[in-house]
Amino acid sequence: MPVDTRNLIEKIEALPADRIAEIEDFVEFIRLREQDRMLTRAAGAASVPSFAAVWSNPEDDVYDAI
């Protein structure tokens, strides 16, 4: 479903100032949470080469079949 940002903005603008402040806090929370998730994914991806030797070795090949 496409996002109708203009409609959303109109709905927000119709709210009292204290509710707009709540929405702004919530949007900031979502933005920071997404930023944290992106950093976590990037850190995980960056660690893959470092662990490749540990994860991929002849002694542990038996676990690859599980």
N, C-alpha and C. Protein backbone atom coordinates (compact mmCIF):
# COMPACT_ATOMS: atom_id res chain seq x y z
N MET A 1 0.85 -1.17 0.00
CA MET A 1 0.00 0.00 0.00
C MET A 1 0.90 1.24 0.00
N PRO A 2 0.73 2.12 -0.96
CA PRO A 2 1.55 3.33 -1.00
C PRO A 2 1.21 4.26 0.17
N VAL A 3 2.21 4.95 0.63
CA VAL A 3 2.05 5.87 1.75
C VAL A 3 1.63 7.24 1.21
N ASP A 4 0.55 7.76 1.75
CA ASP A 4 0.06 9.08 1.37
C ASP A 4 0.58 10.07 2.42
N THR A 5 1.80 10.55 2.23
CA THR A 5 2.42 11.41 3.24
C THR A 5 1.67 12.73 3.41
N ARG A 6 1.13 13.26 2.32
CA ARG A 6 0.39 14.53 2.42
C ARG A 6 -0.81 14.36 3.36
N ASN A 7 -1.54 13.25 3.21
CA ASN A 7 -2.69 12.97 4.06
C ASN A 7 -2.26 12.82 5.52
N LEU A 8 -1.15 12.14 5.73
CA LEU A 8 -0.64 11.96 7.09
C LEU A 8 -0.26 13.31 7.70
N ILE A 9 0.40 14.14 6.94
CA ILE A 9 0.80 15.46 7.44
C ILE A 9 -0.43 16.30 7.79
N GLU A 10 -1.44 16.24 6.96
CA GLU A 10 -2.68 16.99 7.25
C GLU A 10 -3.32 16.51 8.55
N LYS A 11 -3.32 15.21 8.77
CA LYS A 11 -3.89 14.67 10.01
C LYS A 11 -3.09 15.13 11.22
N ILE A 12 -1.78 15.11 11.08
CA ILE A 12 -0.92 15.56 12.19
C ILE A 12 -1.13 17.04 12.46
N GLU A 13 -1.19 17.84 11.41
CA GLU A 13 -1.37 19.28 11.58
C GLU A 13 -2.70 19.63 12.24
N ALA A 14 -3.68 18.77 12.14
CA ALA A 14 -4.99 19.01 12.75
C ALA A 14 -5.01 18.71 14.25
N LEU A 15 -3.95 18.11 14.75
CA LEU A 15 -3.89 17.74 16.17
C LEU A 15 -3.42 18.91 17.03
N PRO A 16 -3.74 18.86 18.33
CA PRO A 16 -3.22 19.87 19.25
C PRO A 16 -1.69 19.73 19.39
N ALA A 17 -1.05 20.80 19.78
CA ALA A 17 0.41 20.86 19.86
C ALA A 17 1.00 19.77 20.74
N ASP A 18 0.35 19.44 21.85
CA ASP A 18 0.90 18.41 22.74
C ASP A 18 0.89 17.04 22.07
N ARG A 19 -0.11 16.77 21.25
CA ARG A 19 -0.16 15.49 20.52
C ARG A 19 0.89 15.46 19.42
N ILE A 20 1.13 16.59 18.78
CA ILE A 20 2.18 16.67 17.75
C ILE A 20 3.53 16.39 18.38
N ALA A 21 3.75 16.89 19.58
CA ALA A 21 5.01 16.62 20.29
C ALA A 21 5.15 15.13 20.57
N GLU A 22 4.06 14.46 20.93
CA GLU A 22 4.09 13.00 21.15
C GLU A 22 4.46 12.27 19.87
N ILE A 23 3.87 12.70 18.78
CA ILE A 23 4.17 12.07 17.49
C ILE A 23 5.63 12.28 17.13
N GLU A 24 6.14 13.47 17.37
CA GLU A 24 7.55 13.74 17.07
C GLU A 24 8.45 12.84 17.91
N ASP A 25 8.13 12.66 19.18
CA ASP A 25 8.91 11.76 20.04
C ASP A 25 8.87 10.33 19.51
N PHE A 26 7.68 9.89 19.10
CA PHE A 26 7.53 8.53 18.60
C PHE A 26 8.31 8.33 17.31
N VAL A 27 8.24 9.30 16.41
CA VAL A 27 8.99 9.21 15.15
C VAL A 27 10.49 9.16 15.43
N GLU A 28 10.95 9.94 16.37
CA GLU A 28 12.37 9.91 16.74
C GLU A 28 12.75 8.56 17.31
N PHE A 29 11.88 7.98 18.13
CA PHE A 29 12.11 6.65 18.68
C PHE A 29 12.26 5.62 17.56
N ILE A 30 11.34 5.65 16.60
CA ILE A 30 11.39 4.72 15.47
C ILE A 30 12.66 4.92 14.66
N ARG A 31 13.03 6.17 14.42
CA ARG A 31 14.23 6.48 13.64
C ARG A 31 15.49 5.94 14.34
N LEU A 32 15.59 6.15 15.63
CA LEU A 32 16.74 5.66 16.38
C LEU A 32 16.78 4.14 16.44
N ARG A 33 15.61 3.52 16.59
CA ARG A 33 15.54 2.06 16.61
C ARG A 33 16.01 1.49 15.27
N GLU A 34 15.58 2.10 14.18
CA GLU A 34 16.00 1.64 12.86
C GLU A 34 17.51 1.85 12.67
N GLN A 35 18.02 2.96 13.16
CA GLN A 35 19.46 3.23 13.09
C GLN A 35 20.23 2.16 13.87
N ASP A 36 19.75 1.80 15.05
CA ASP A 36 20.38 0.75 15.85
C ASP A 36 20.37 -0.58 15.12
N ARG A 37 19.25 -0.90 14.49
CA ARG A 37 19.16 -2.16 13.74
C ARG A 37 20.13 -2.18 12.58
N MET A 38 20.25 -1.06 11.88
CA MET A 38 21.19 -0.99 10.76
C MET A 38 22.62 -1.16 11.24
N LEU A 39 22.96 -0.55 12.38
CA LEU A 39 24.31 -0.70 12.94
C LEU A 39 24.57 -2.14 13.37
N THR A 40 23.57 -2.79 13.95
CA THR A 40 23.72 -4.18 14.36
C THR A 40 23.96 -5.08 13.15
N ARG A 41 23.17 -4.86 12.07
CA ARG A 41 23.36 -5.65 10.85
C ARG A 41 24.74 -5.41 10.25
N ALA A 42 25.17 -4.15 10.24
CA ALA A 42 26.48 -3.82 9.68
C ALA A 42 27.60 -4.46 10.50
N ALA A 43 27.47 -4.44 11.81
CA ALA A 43 28.48 -5.07 12.67
C ALA A 43 28.52 -6.57 12.45
N GLY A 44 27.36 -7.18 12.30
CA GLY A 44 27.30 -8.62 12.02
C GLY A 44 27.96 -8.96 10.70
N ALA A 45 27.66 -8.17 9.68
CA ALA A 45 28.24 -8.41 8.36
C ALA A 45 29.75 -8.18 8.38
N ALA A 46 30.20 -7.19 9.14
CA ALA A 46 31.63 -6.91 9.22
C ALA A 46 32.39 -8.01 9.95
N SER A 47 31.72 -8.71 10.85
CA SER A 47 32.40 -9.76 11.63
C SER A 47 32.50 -11.08 10.88
N VAL A 48 31.74 -11.26 9.82
CA VAL A 48 31.75 -12.53 9.09
C VAL A 48 33.15 -12.92 8.63
N PRO A 49 33.91 -12.04 7.97
CA PRO A 49 35.26 -12.44 7.55
C PRO A 49 36.16 -12.82 8.73
N SER A 50 36.00 -12.14 9.85
CA SER A 50 36.83 -12.44 11.01
C SER A 50 36.56 -13.82 11.58
N PHE A 51 35.32 -14.25 11.52
CA PHE A 51 34.95 -15.55 12.06
C PHE A 51 34.98 -16.67 11.02
N ALA A 52 35.25 -16.35 9.79
CA ALA A 52 35.22 -17.37 8.73
C ALA A 52 36.15 -18.54 9.05
N ALA A 53 37.34 -18.25 9.53
CA ALA A 53 38.28 -19.33 9.85
C ALA A 53 37.78 -20.18 11.01
N VAL A 54 37.10 -19.56 11.95
CA VAL A 54 36.58 -20.29 13.10
C VAL A 54 35.38 -21.13 12.70
N TRP A 55 34.50 -20.56 11.87
CA TRP A 55 33.27 -21.24 11.49
C TRP A 55 33.49 -22.30 10.42
N SER A 56 34.48 -22.11 9.60
CA SER A 56 34.70 -23.02 8.49
C SER A 56 36.03 -23.74 8.68
N ASN A 57 35.96 -24.92 9.27
CA ASN A 57 37.17 -25.70 9.48
C ASN A 57 36.81 -27.18 9.40
N PRO A 58 37.78 -28.02 9.08
CA PRO A 58 37.49 -29.46 8.90
C PRO A 58 36.88 -30.13 10.12
N GLU A 59 37.28 -29.70 11.30
CA GLU A 59 36.77 -30.34 12.52
C GLU A 59 35.26 -30.12 12.69
N ASP A 60 34.77 -29.03 12.17
CA ASP A 60 33.35 -28.71 12.33
C ASP A 60 32.51 -29.03 11.11
N ASP A 61 33.09 -29.64 10.09
CA ASP A 61 32.34 -29.95 8.87
C ASP A 61 31.16 -30.87 9.14
N VAL A 62 31.25 -31.68 10.17
CA VAL A 62 30.16 -32.59 10.50
C VAL A 62 28.89 -31.79 10.83
N TYR A 63 29.03 -30.59 11.38
CA TYR A 63 27.89 -29.77 11.74
C TYR A 63 27.21 -29.15 10.52
N ASP A 64 27.92 -29.06 9.42
CA ASP A 64 27.34 -28.48 8.20
C ASP A 64 26.20 -29.35 7.67
N ALA A 65 26.20 -30.62 7.98
CA ALA A 65 25.18 -31.53 7.49
C ALA A 65 23.91 -31.49 8.34
N ILE A 66 23.98 -30.85 9.45
CA ILE A 66 22.81 -30.80 10.37
C ILE A 66 21.79 -29.82 9.84
